[in-house]
Amino acid sequence: MDANPLNFLVLCAVGAAVFFYVLYGVVRAATRDGIIDATRQAEKAKASGDESELRG
């Protein structure tokens, strides 16, 4: 019995798992950076007294 088809399926599953784990990390880091940036921008607008920067 040849295990090549099984090996191929396992390799694809492991590759997909690694890909999605890396993608999850990238999305999570980008979300974190966006929240930090928005918080800094809101604090900067509050400190300068310019509420128009908070609206967009």
N, C-alpha and C. Protein backbone atom coordinates (compact mmCIF):
# COMPACT_ATOMS: atom_id res chain seq x y z
N MET A 1 0.85 -1.19 0.00
CA MET A 1 0.00 0.00 0.00
C MET A 1 0.88 1.24 0.00
N ASP A 2 0.57 2.11 -0.91
CA ASP A 2 1.36 3.34 -1.06
C ASP A 2 0.74 4.45 -0.21
N ALA A 3 1.55 5.19 0.51
CA ALA A 3 1.05 6.23 1.41
C ALA A 3 1.15 7.63 0.79
N ASN A 4 1.49 7.71 -0.48
CA ASN A 4 1.65 9.04 -1.08
C ASN A 4 0.39 9.90 -1.04
N PRO A 5 -0.78 9.38 -1.36
CA PRO A 5 -1.98 10.24 -1.27
C PRO A 5 -2.23 10.73 0.16
N LEU A 6 -2.02 9.85 1.12
CA LEU A 6 -2.21 10.23 2.52
C LEU A 6 -1.18 11.27 2.93
N ASN A 7 0.05 11.09 2.54
CA ASN A 7 1.10 12.06 2.85
C ASN A 7 0.76 13.42 2.25
N PHE A 8 0.25 13.42 1.04
CA PHE A 8 -0.10 14.68 0.37
C PHE A 8 -1.20 15.40 1.14
N LEU A 9 -2.21 14.66 1.57
CA LEU A 9 -3.31 15.28 2.31
C LEU A 9 -2.84 15.83 3.65
N VAL A 10 -2.00 15.08 4.34
CA VAL A 10 -1.48 15.55 5.62
C VAL A 10 -0.62 16.78 5.42
N LEU A 11 0.21 16.78 4.41
CA LEU A 11 1.07 17.92 4.12
C LEU A 11 0.23 19.16 3.79
N CYS A 12 -0.82 18.99 3.02
CA CYS A 12 -1.71 20.12 2.71
C CYS A 12 -2.39 20.64 3.96
N ALA A 13 -2.84 19.75 4.83
CA ALA A 13 -3.51 20.18 6.05
C ALA A 13 -2.55 20.93 6.97
N VAL A 14 -1.34 20.45 7.10
CA VAL A 14 -0.35 21.12 7.94
C VAL A 14 0.03 22.47 7.34
N GLY A 15 0.19 22.52 6.03
CA GLY A 15 0.50 23.78 5.36
C GLY A 15 -0.61 24.81 5.54
N ALA A 16 -1.85 24.36 5.41
CA ALA A 16 -2.98 25.27 5.60
C ALA A 16 -3.05 25.75 7.04
N ALA A 17 -2.78 24.87 7.99
CA ALA A 17 -2.80 25.26 9.40
C ALA A 17 -1.74 26.32 9.69
N VAL A 18 -0.55 26.14 9.16
CA VAL A 18 0.52 27.12 9.35
C VAL A 18 0.15 28.45 8.70
N PHE A 19 -0.37 28.40 7.48
CA PHE A 19 -0.76 29.61 6.77
C PHE A 19 -1.80 30.40 7.56
N PHE A 20 -2.84 29.72 8.04
CA PHE A 20 -3.90 30.42 8.77
C PHE A 20 -3.44 30.91 10.13
N TYR A 21 -2.51 30.21 10.75
CA TYR A 21 -1.97 30.69 12.02
C TYR A 21 -1.17 31.97 11.83
N VAL A 22 -0.37 32.01 10.77
CA VAL A 22 0.39 33.23 10.46
C VAL A 22 -0.56 34.36 10.09
N LEU A 23 -1.57 34.07 9.29
CA LEU A 23 -2.56 35.08 8.92
C LEU A 23 -3.28 35.63 10.16
N TYR A 24 -3.62 34.75 11.10
CA TYR A 24 -4.25 35.16 12.35
C TYR A 24 -3.34 36.13 13.11
N GLY A 25 -2.06 35.84 13.17
CA GLY A 25 -1.11 36.71 13.86
C GLY A 25 -0.99 38.07 13.20
N VAL A 26 -0.98 38.08 11.88
CA VAL A 26 -0.87 39.35 11.15
C VAL A 26 -2.11 40.21 11.37
N VAL A 27 -3.28 39.60 11.28
CA VAL A 27 -4.53 40.35 11.47
C VAL A 27 -4.62 40.86 12.91
N ARG A 28 -4.22 40.03 13.85
CA ARG A 28 -4.27 40.44 15.26
C ARG A 28 -3.32 41.61 15.53
N ALA A 29 -2.11 41.56 14.96
CA ALA A 29 -1.15 42.65 15.15
C ALA A 29 -1.64 43.93 14.49
N ALA A 30 -2.22 43.82 13.30
CA ALA A 30 -2.72 45.00 12.61
C ALA A 30 -3.88 45.63 13.37
N THR A 31 -4.75 44.81 13.94
CA THR A 31 -5.86 45.32 14.73
C THR A 31 -5.34 46.03 15.98
N ARG A 32 -4.37 45.42 16.64
CA ARG A 32 -3.78 46.03 17.84
C ARG A 32 -3.16 47.38 17.50
N ASP A 33 -2.40 47.42 16.41
CA ASP A 33 -1.75 48.68 16.01
C ASP A 33 -2.77 49.74 15.64
N GLY A 34 -3.86 49.34 15.00
CA GLY A 34 -4.90 50.29 14.65
C GLY A 34 -5.59 50.87 15.87
N ILE A 35 -5.84 50.04 16.86
CA ILE A 35 -6.47 50.52 18.09
C ILE A 35 -5.54 51.47 18.83
N ILE A 36 -4.26 51.13 18.90
CA ILE A 36 -3.28 51.99 19.56
C ILE A 36 -3.19 53.33 18.84
N ASP A 37 -3.15 53.29 17.52
CA ASP A 37 -3.06 54.52 16.73
C ASP A 37 -4.30 55.40 16.92
N ALA A 38 -5.47 54.79 16.94
CA ALA A 38 -6.71 55.56 17.13
C ALA A 38 -6.76 56.18 18.52
N THR A 39 -6.28 55.45 19.52
CA THR A 39 -6.25 55.98 20.88
C THR A 39 -5.31 57.17 20.98
N ARG A 40 -4.15 57.05 20.37
CA ARG A 40 -3.19 58.17 20.38
C ARG A 40 -3.76 59.39 19.66
N GLN A 41 -4.43 59.15 18.54
CA GLN A 41 -5.01 60.26 17.79
C GLN A 41 -6.11 60.94 18.61
N ALA A 42 -6.91 60.15 19.32
CA ALA A 42 -7.97 60.73 20.15
C ALA A 42 -7.38 61.53 21.31
N GLU A 43 -6.33 61.02 21.93
CA GLU A 43 -5.68 61.74 23.02
C GLU A 43 -5.05 63.04 22.52
N LYS A 44 -4.47 62.98 21.34
CA LYS A 44 -3.85 64.17 20.75
C LYS A 44 -4.92 65.23 20.45
N ALA A 45 -6.06 64.79 19.93
CA ALA A 45 -7.14 65.72 19.62
C ALA A 45 -7.72 66.33 20.90
N LYS A 46 -7.83 65.53 21.93
CA LYS A 46 -8.34 66.03 23.21
C LYS A 46 -7.39 67.06 23.80
N ALA A 47 -6.10 66.77 23.71
CA ALA A 47 -5.10 67.67 24.28
C ALA A 47 -5.07 69.01 23.55
N SER A 48 -5.30 68.98 22.24
CA SER A 48 -5.26 70.22 21.47
C SER A 48 -6.61 70.93 21.50
N GLY A 49 -7.65 70.25 21.99
CA GLY A 49 -8.98 70.87 22.07
C GLY A 49 -9.69 70.89 20.75
N ASP A 50 -9.21 70.17 19.77
CA ASP A 50 -9.83 70.14 18.44
C ASP A 50 -10.68 68.87 18.32
N GLU A 51 -11.97 69.02 18.51
CA GLU A 51 -12.87 67.86 18.47
C GLU A 51 -13.13 67.40 17.04
N SER A 52 -12.84 68.21 16.03
CA SER A 52 -13.09 67.80 14.65
C SER A 52 -12.20 66.64 14.24
N GLU A 53 -11.02 66.49 14.88
CA GLU A 53 -10.14 65.37 14.55
C GLU A 53 -10.72 64.05 15.03
N LEU A 54 -11.56 64.08 16.04
CA LEU A 54 -12.15 62.87 16.56
C LEU A 54 -13.23 62.32 15.64
N ARG A 55 -13.85 63.17 14.87
CA ARG A 55 -14.97 62.73 14.02
C ARG A 55 -14.51 62.08 12.73
N GLY A 56 -13.28 62.20 12.37
CA GLY A 56 -12.86 61.48 11.19
C GLY A 56 -12.01 62.25 10.30
